[in-house]
Protein backbone atom coordinates (compact mmCIF):
# COMPACT_ATOMS: atom_id res chain seq x y z
CA MET A 1 137.04 102.43 44.71
CA GLU A 2 137.38 106.18 45.09
CA LEU A 3 133.60 106.54 44.87
CA ASP A 4 133.18 104.03 47.71
CA ASN A 5 135.59 106.02 49.96
CA LYS A 6 133.71 109.24 49.33
CA GLN A 7 130.44 107.50 50.11
CA VAL A 8 131.85 106.16 53.40
CA LYS A 9 133.12 109.63 54.47
CA GLN A 10 129.75 111.16 53.64
CA ASP A 11 127.96 108.48 55.67
CA GLU A 12 130.30 109.07 58.62
CA SER A 13 129.65 112.82 58.57
CA GLU A 14 125.90 112.25 58.40
CA ILE A 15 126.13 109.77 61.27
CA ASN A 16 128.14 112.27 63.38
CA PHE A 17 125.61 115.01 62.73
CA PHE A 18 122.67 112.79 63.62
CA ASP A 19 124.54 111.62 66.72
CA ILE A 20 124.77 115.22 67.92
CA ILE A 21 121.06 115.75 67.32
CA ILE A 22 120.28 112.52 69.16
CA VAL A 23 122.40 113.56 72.17
CA LEU A 24 120.71 116.95 72.38
CA LEU A 25 117.22 115.49 72.10
CA LYS A 26 118.08 112.71 74.53
CA ARG A 27 118.96 115.22 77.27
CA LYS A 28 116.75 118.11 76.20
CA ARG A 29 115.12 118.37 79.62
CA LEU A 30 118.49 118.83 81.27
CA ILE A 31 119.47 121.53 78.74
CA VAL A 32 116.20 123.40 79.17
CA GLY A 33 116.35 123.01 82.94
CA ILE A 34 119.88 124.39 83.29
CA THR A 35 119.16 127.27 80.89
CA LEU A 36 115.95 128.30 82.65
CA SER A 37 117.51 127.89 86.08
CA THR A 38 120.43 130.18 85.34
CA ALA A 39 118.09 132.72 83.73
CA VAL A 40 115.81 132.73 86.78
CA MET A 41 118.73 132.92 89.21
CA THR A 42 120.26 135.81 87.26
CA ALA A 43 116.91 137.63 87.24
CA ILE A 44 116.58 137.22 91.02
CA ILE A 45 120.12 138.49 91.57
CA SER A 46 119.53 141.47 89.26
CA PHE A 47 116.44 142.49 91.27
CA LEU A 48 118.33 142.11 94.54
CA LEU A 49 121.11 144.44 93.36
CA PRO A 50 120.56 148.13 94.22
CA SER A 51 119.72 150.54 91.41
CA ILE A 52 122.63 152.78 90.45
CA TYR A 53 122.11 156.24 88.93
CA ARG A 54 124.67 158.32 87.01
CA ALA A 55 124.81 162.12 87.19
CA GLU A 56 127.32 164.01 85.06
CA VAL A 57 128.57 167.53 84.38
CA LYS A 58 129.76 168.60 80.93
CA ILE A 59 132.65 171.08 80.84
CA LEU A 60 134.00 173.09 77.93
CA PRO A 61 137.79 173.52 78.28
CA PRO A 62 139.48 176.73 77.06
CA GLN A 63 139.80 176.64 73.30
CA SER A 64 143.03 178.65 73.29
CA SER A 65 145.00 176.15 75.36
CA SER A 66 146.20 173.13 73.47
CA SER A 67 148.86 171.80 75.79
CA PRO A 68 149.60 171.56 79.51
CA THR A 69 152.57 173.92 79.01
CA GLN A 70 150.28 176.66 77.73
CA ILE A 71 147.91 176.09 80.63
CA MET A 72 150.83 176.40 83.05
CA SER A 73 151.85 179.67 81.44
CA GLN A 74 148.35 181.06 82.13
CA MET A 75 148.60 180.24 85.82
CA GLY A 76 150.31 182.21 88.52
CA PRO A 77 153.17 180.92 90.66
CA GLY A 78 150.84 178.68 92.65
CA GLY A 79 149.03 177.35 89.61
CA ALA A 80 152.22 176.71 87.69
CA ALA A 81 153.65 174.82 90.65
CA VAL A 82 150.55 172.64 90.88
CA ALA A 83 150.57 171.97 87.14
CA ALA A 84 154.27 171.17 87.19
CA MET A 85 153.70 168.74 90.05
CA MET A 86 150.88 167.05 88.13
CA ILE A 87 153.03 166.60 85.03
CA GLY A 88 156.37 165.83 86.61
CA GLY A 89 155.28 164.20 89.82
CA GLY A 90 154.09 160.90 88.47
CA VAL A 91 150.56 161.77 87.40
CA GLY A 92 151.59 161.81 83.77
CA ALA A 93 149.24 164.49 82.48
CA LYS A 94 150.05 164.79 78.78
CA THR A 95 146.92 166.56 77.50
CA PRO A 96 144.87 169.50 78.81
CA SER A 97 142.04 167.16 79.85
CA GLU A 98 144.43 164.95 81.83
CA LEU A 99 145.87 168.02 83.52
CA TYR A 100 142.42 169.31 84.53
CA PHE A 101 141.36 165.90 85.82
CA SER A 102 144.61 165.61 87.77
CA ILE A 103 143.98 168.97 89.45
CA LEU A 104 140.37 167.95 90.15
CA LYS A 105 141.63 164.85 91.95
CA SER A 106 144.45 166.65 93.74
CA ARG A 107 144.51 166.67 97.54
CA ALA A 108 143.74 170.40 97.75
CA VAL A 109 140.52 170.10 95.73
CA LEU A 110 139.47 166.79 97.32
CA ASP A 111 139.78 168.28 100.81
CA ARG A 112 137.54 171.19 99.80
CA ILE A 113 134.92 168.71 98.54
CA ILE A 114 135.20 166.57 101.67
CA ASP A 115 134.75 169.54 103.98
CA ARG A 116 131.83 171.03 102.05
CA CYS A 117 129.96 167.72 101.71
CA LYS A 118 130.90 166.64 105.26
CA LEU A 119 132.12 163.31 103.96
CA MET A 120 134.09 162.67 107.15
CA ASP A 121 130.74 162.41 108.97
CA VAL A 122 129.38 160.12 106.26
CA HIS A 123 132.43 157.83 106.43
CA LYS A 124 132.73 157.64 110.20
CA GLY A 125 135.78 155.86 111.51
CA LYS A 126 137.76 156.30 108.29
CA SER A 127 140.87 158.41 107.95
CA ARG A 128 140.89 161.43 105.64
CA GLU A 129 143.28 159.61 103.30
CA LYS A 130 140.82 156.73 102.89
CA VAL A 131 137.98 159.16 102.28
CA ARG A 132 140.09 160.87 99.61
CA ASN A 133 140.76 157.55 97.89
CA SER A 134 137.06 156.71 98.03
CA LEU A 135 136.21 160.09 96.50
CA ILE A 136 138.78 159.59 93.73
CA ALA A 137 137.13 156.25 92.90
CA THR A 138 133.72 157.93 92.95
CA LEU A 139 134.63 160.76 90.55
CA GLN A 140 134.59 159.37 87.03
CA THR A 141 136.28 161.53 84.39
CA SER A 142 136.31 161.19 80.63
CA GLU A 143 136.68 163.22 77.44
CA ASP A 144 134.34 163.21 74.47
CA LYS A 145 136.75 162.80 71.56
CA LYS A 146 134.27 164.18 69.01
CA SER A 147 133.20 167.37 70.80
CA GLY A 148 136.23 167.79 73.05
CA MET A 149 134.02 168.28 76.10
CA LEU A 150 135.18 167.07 79.50
CA ILE A 151 132.78 164.93 81.51
CA VAL A 152 132.79 164.47 85.28
CA ALA A 153 130.31 161.88 86.58
CA VAL A 154 129.28 160.22 89.83
CA GLU A 155 127.35 156.98 90.22
CA ASP A 156 125.31 156.30 93.35
CA ASN A 157 122.12 154.58 94.46
CA ASP A 158 120.69 157.98 95.41
CA PRO A 159 120.16 160.09 92.26
CA LYS A 160 119.97 163.40 94.15
CA TRP A 161 123.18 162.69 96.07
CA ALA A 162 124.96 161.76 92.84
CA ALA A 163 123.93 165.07 91.22
CA ASP A 164 124.85 167.10 94.32
CA ILE A 165 128.30 165.57 94.79
CA VAL A 166 129.34 166.00 91.15
CA ASN A 167 128.07 169.60 91.01
CA ILE A 168 129.86 170.48 94.24
CA SER A 169 133.05 168.82 92.99
CA VAL A 170 133.11 170.96 89.83
CA GLU A 171 132.21 174.11 91.78
CA GLU A 172 135.04 173.56 94.27
CA PHE A 173 137.41 172.87 91.39
CA LYS A 174 136.48 176.21 89.81
CA GLU A 175 136.87 178.05 93.11
CA TYR A 176 140.27 176.49 93.65
CA GLN A 177 141.20 177.36 90.10
CA LYS A 178 140.34 181.00 90.71
CA GLY A 179 142.87 181.08 93.48
CA ILE A 180 145.73 179.72 91.38
CA ALA A 181 144.78 180.77 87.85
CA ILE A 182 146.37 184.24 87.80
CA THR A 183 146.90 184.83 84.11
CA GLU A 184 149.72 186.74 82.50
CA ALA A 185 147.49 189.78 81.98
CA SER A 186 146.35 189.67 85.61
CA LYS A 187 149.95 189.64 86.80
CA LYS A 188 150.73 192.59 84.57
CA ARG A 189 147.68 194.49 85.78
CA LEU A 190 148.53 193.93 89.45
CA PHE A 191 152.16 194.90 88.91
CA PHE A 192 151.38 198.07 86.94
CA GLU A 193 148.72 198.99 89.46
CA GLU A 194 151.35 199.09 92.20
CA GLN A 195 153.78 200.97 89.97
CA LEU A 196 151.05 203.49 89.08
CA LYS A 197 150.42 204.18 92.78
CA ASP A 198 154.14 204.79 93.34
CA ALA A 199 154.35 207.03 90.26
CA GLN A 200 151.36 209.04 91.46
CA LYS A 201 152.95 209.60 94.87
CA SER A 202 156.19 210.64 93.20
CA LEU A 203 154.33 213.10 90.94
CA VAL A 204 152.48 214.69 93.86
CA SER A 205 155.75 215.03 95.76
CA ALA A 206 157.53 216.60 92.73
CA GLU A 207 154.68 219.07 92.17
CA GLU A 208 154.77 220.05 95.82
CA ASP A 209 158.53 220.56 95.70
CA MET A 210 158.25 222.72 92.57
CA ARG A 211 155.44 224.76 94.11
CA ASN A 212 157.48 225.39 97.23
CA PHE A 213 160.53 226.35 95.17
CA MET A 214 158.57 228.80 93.01
CA SER A 215 157.26 230.50 96.14
CA LYS A 216 160.78 231.31 97.31
CA PRO A 217 162.27 234.77 96.58
CA GLY A 218 163.74 234.60 93.09
CA GLY A 219 162.33 231.14 92.49
CA MET A 220 159.86 232.31 89.85
CA GLU A 221 162.62 233.94 87.80
CA ALA A 222 164.95 230.97 88.19
CA GLY A 223 162.27 228.50 87.24
CA GLY A 224 161.34 230.32 84.06
CA ALA A 225 164.77 231.41 82.88
CA GLY A 226 166.64 229.87 79.95
CA GLU A 227 164.36 228.34 77.30
CA LYS A 228 167.14 226.12 75.94
CA GLY A 229 168.00 224.89 79.39
CA ALA A 230 164.34 224.34 80.20
CA SER A 231 163.84 222.35 77.00
CA ALA A 232 166.90 220.22 77.76
CA ASP A 233 165.68 219.65 81.33
CA ASP A 234 162.30 218.45 80.00
CA GLY A 235 164.02 216.10 77.57
CA VAL A 236 166.27 214.62 80.24
CA GLY A 237 163.37 214.09 82.63
CA SER A 238 161.23 212.52 79.92
CA MET A 239 164.06 210.25 78.79
CA ARG A 240 164.72 209.05 82.34
CA ALA A 241 161.03 208.28 82.74
CA HIS A 242 161.00 206.22 79.53
CA ILE A 243 164.02 204.27 80.76
CA THR A 244 162.32 203.56 84.09
CA ALA A 245 159.12 202.44 82.32
CA LYS A 246 161.09 200.06 80.10
CA GLU A 247 162.88 198.64 83.15
CA VAL A 248 159.51 198.03 84.80
CA GLN A 249 158.33 196.28 81.64
CA LEU A 250 161.46 194.13 81.74
CA ARG A 251 160.74 193.10 85.35
CA VAL A 252 157.23 192.08 84.36
CA MET A 253 158.53 189.98 81.47
CA LYS A 254 160.88 188.11 83.81
CA THR A 255 157.82 186.61 85.54
CA TYR A 256 156.71 184.69 82.45
CA SER A 257 159.68 184.49 80.04
CA THR A 258 163.40 183.78 80.00
CA GLU A 259 166.24 186.19 79.28
CA GLN A 260 166.72 184.49 75.90
CA ASN A 261 163.22 185.49 74.79
CA PRO A 262 163.47 187.68 71.62
CA GLU A 263 160.98 190.17 73.05
CA TYR A 264 162.97 190.37 76.28
CA LEU A 265 166.20 190.99 74.35
CA MET A 266 164.48 193.67 72.25
CA VAL A 267 163.42 195.60 75.38
CA GLU A 268 166.96 195.30 76.76
CA ASN A 269 168.35 196.82 73.57
CA GLU A 270 165.79 199.64 73.73
CA ILE A 271 166.94 200.46 77.27
CA LYS A 272 170.56 200.59 76.13
CA GLY A 273 169.64 202.93 73.28
CA LEU A 274 167.63 205.21 75.58
CA LYS A 275 170.53 205.41 78.04
CA GLU A 276 172.88 206.49 75.25
CA GLN A 277 170.42 209.20 74.20
CA LEU A 278 170.15 210.29 77.84
CA LYS A 279 173.93 210.82 78.02
CA LYS A 280 173.79 213.04 74.93
CA LEU A 281 170.88 215.05 76.32
CA GLU A 282 172.61 215.54 79.65
CA GLY A 283 175.70 216.78 77.80
CA GLU A 284 173.66 219.22 75.72
CA GLY A 285 171.84 220.43 78.77
CA THR A 286 175.11 221.19 80.53
CA ALA A 287 176.46 223.07 77.50
CA ASN A 288 173.28 225.12 76.98
CA TYR A 289 172.63 225.78 80.63
CA GLU A 290 173.25 229.40 81.68
CA PRO A 291 173.16 229.73 85.45
CA MET A 292 171.17 232.62 86.81
CA LEU A 293 173.28 234.63 89.22
CA ASN A 294 171.67 236.08 92.30
CA SER A 295 172.72 239.21 94.10
CA ARG A 296 175.54 237.33 95.78
CA GLY A 297 176.90 235.97 92.45
CA ARG A 298 175.93 232.34 93.02
CA ALA A 299 173.93 230.09 90.71
CA SER A 300 172.31 228.07 93.52
CA LEU A 301 168.76 228.99 92.55
CA GLY A 302 169.33 228.14 88.88
CA THR A 303 170.86 224.77 89.72
CA GLU A 304 168.04 223.91 92.11
CA ALA A 305 165.45 225.02 89.53
CA MET A 306 167.03 222.71 86.92
CA ARG A 307 166.85 219.73 89.27
CA LYS A 308 163.26 220.47 90.32
CA LYS A 309 162.11 220.78 86.70
CA ARG A 310 163.87 217.56 85.67
CA ASN A 311 162.32 215.70 88.59
CA LEU A 312 158.87 217.07 87.81
CA LYS A 313 159.11 216.17 84.12
CA TYR A 314 160.37 212.70 85.07
CA SER A 315 157.45 212.14 87.44
CA GLU A 316 154.87 213.45 84.95
CA THR A 317 156.15 211.26 82.09
CA LEU A 318 156.52 208.17 84.29
CA TYR A 319 152.97 208.55 85.58
CA GLU A 320 151.62 208.83 82.02
CA LEU A 321 153.54 205.74 80.89
CA MET A 322 152.47 203.69 83.93
CA PHE A 323 148.85 204.75 83.44
CA LYS A 324 148.92 203.63 79.78
CA GLN A 325 150.50 200.30 80.72
CA TYR A 326 147.94 199.77 83.48
CA GLU A 327 145.00 200.49 81.16
CA ALA A 328 146.43 198.16 78.50
CA ALA A 329 146.84 195.37 81.09
CA LYS A 330 143.21 195.85 82.21
CA ILE A 331 142.00 195.51 78.63
CA ASP A 332 144.09 192.36 78.10
CA GLU A 333 142.77 190.88 81.33
CA SER A 334 139.14 191.50 80.36
CA ARG A 335 139.67 189.83 76.99
CA GLU A 336 140.96 186.54 78.42
CA PRO A 337 138.20 183.91 78.77
CA ALA A 338 137.57 181.78 81.83
CA LEU A 339 139.69 178.66 81.99
CA ILE A 340 136.69 176.33 82.05
CA GLN A 341 132.98 176.77 81.37
CA VAL A 342 130.26 174.46 82.68
CA LEU A 343 127.90 173.71 79.81
CA GLU A 344 125.50 171.39 81.64
CA LYS A 345 125.13 171.04 85.37
CA ALA A 346 124.11 167.66 86.74
CA ILE A 347 120.46 166.99 87.55
CA PRO A 348 119.06 164.00 89.48
CA PRO A 349 118.77 161.23 86.85
CA GLU A 350 115.43 159.47 86.42
CA GLU A 351 116.69 156.30 84.71
CA ARG A 352 119.09 153.94 86.41
CA ILE A 353 122.32 153.07 84.62
CA LYS A 354 122.67 149.66 86.27
CA PRO A 355 121.93 146.90 86.88
CA LYS A 356 120.82 146.24 83.33
CA ARG A 357 118.45 143.43 84.19
CA ARG A 358 117.44 142.41 80.68
CA GLN A 359 121.06 142.09 79.57
CA MET A 360 121.94 140.21 82.74
CA VAL A 361 119.11 137.69 82.19
CA MET A 362 120.06 137.20 78.54
CA PHE A 363 123.70 136.71 79.47
CA GLY A 364 122.76 134.27 82.26
CA ALA A 365 120.51 132.24 79.95
CA THR A 366 123.21 132.10 77.28
CA ALA A 367 125.85 131.05 79.78
CA GLY A 368 123.50 128.38 81.18
CA PHE A 369 122.74 127.05 77.72
CA VAL A 370 126.44 126.80 76.81
CA PHE A 371 127.22 125.12 80.13
CA SER A 372 124.37 122.66 79.63
CA LEU A 373 125.69 121.69 76.18
CA ILE A 374 129.17 121.05 77.59
CA ALA A 375 127.69 119.03 80.45
CA VAL A 376 125.50 116.97 78.10
CA PHE A 377 128.37 115.99 75.81
CA PHE A 378 130.61 115.13 78.76
CA MET A 379 127.87 112.94 80.23
CA GLU A 380 127.39 111.20 76.89
CA TYR A 381 131.12 110.65 76.54
CA PHE A 382 131.48 109.12 80.00
CA GLU A 383 128.40 106.95 79.45
CA LYS A 384 129.82 105.46 76.28
CA SER A 385 133.29 105.14 77.78
CA SER A 386 132.00 103.18 80.77
CA ASN A 387 130.54 100.51 78.44
CA SER A 388 133.87 100.03 76.63
CA PRO A 389 136.37 97.48 78.15
CA GLU A 390 139.33 99.50 76.93
CA SER A 391 137.99 102.69 78.50
CA ARG A 392 137.27 100.89 81.80
CA GLU A 393 140.83 99.60 81.86
CA ARG A 394 142.16 103.13 81.26
CA PHE A 395 140.02 104.52 84.10
CA GLU A 396 141.32 101.84 86.45
CA SER A 397 144.89 102.74 85.52
CA ILE A 398 144.20 106.42 86.15
CA LYS A 399 142.72 105.63 89.59
CA ARG A 400 145.66 103.39 90.46
CA TYR A 401 148.34 105.96 89.50
CA ALA A 402 146.41 108.83 91.06
CA SER A 403 146.20 107.05 94.41
CA PHE A 404 148.75 107.89 97.16
CA LYS A 405 148.32 104.60 99.04
CA LYS A 406 151.49 103.04 97.68
CA PHE A 407 153.49 105.98 99.04
CA SER A 408 152.14 105.55 102.57
């Protein structure tokens, strides 16, 4: 009995398989016709679509920056503000590449591209905001995860225009970046350059004052008298200059660090220590100072000589310190690499990127074939159902309940 049941199931499966083959062969012309028709129609559509070309620029980001925070620290006040807006203003830049792409698609950079490419003339009748949105959609940005390179691409039906627009976009981004990317070393160099100019003016003025004093009657003797006093005067002037230089350094550090920074606190402590030493030196200078009396019994020339010498020593030492700081800042600035480097500029592409006609035709033929199979089996099902009394009765019931006549 069990053998008979197995035989029946096997016969039913064979019958079902042969039924499928019969249905396919029975309506083979319809299947072939639908498949070929969709393939031909897809081919015609693919040839009617315009050819699209892709031009791209490959950019090497700075290797030293690994986070948007570090990039912000390399920018000046304007650059840091832009970066902060990109991160905190809803753009959501979490990686260096996202930050760069956000700046590339910022309004400031887009307006530079629009003006240079005269896109307002190309898109006549559109507002600048709509042209910006169109440009944002045109600029395609991505990051190669393996190499870390940033890619900016433009797709257009004109290969030369695609290459021109993407190259101009990257160039304008770099130009804009130059305006905001004032690095820490650049800020130091600019600051110390101004301080060096002031120190030089102060030194020239102190030398002139000392020269005028020495030319007075008795000035030569007053200026050269008292070796201990002269040594103390030099020490006081030099110490004051070191304190001023450290205070300048502290002001520079305030531009890129907080007051809780260990380096900042260390400089503050150095200034306190130098001020304590200055008090001691001033005390020693007062004790060792022997005023030179003139013929009228007054020490006015000696006192004036002490002040002139202290001022001159202060100006000389301050100028030397500012010059060293300025030279060090110049060296640091020259060592810092450019923020981005263009590895490959875009060239007019020769091969179109889309439409991919062969793939479109294959997809169309496959879709047509699948649709034809579904249509064939539905047709076969309805044909068999129409010959069955039970199925006809069900169809009549469906028509009757689906009709709205009884509600009218």
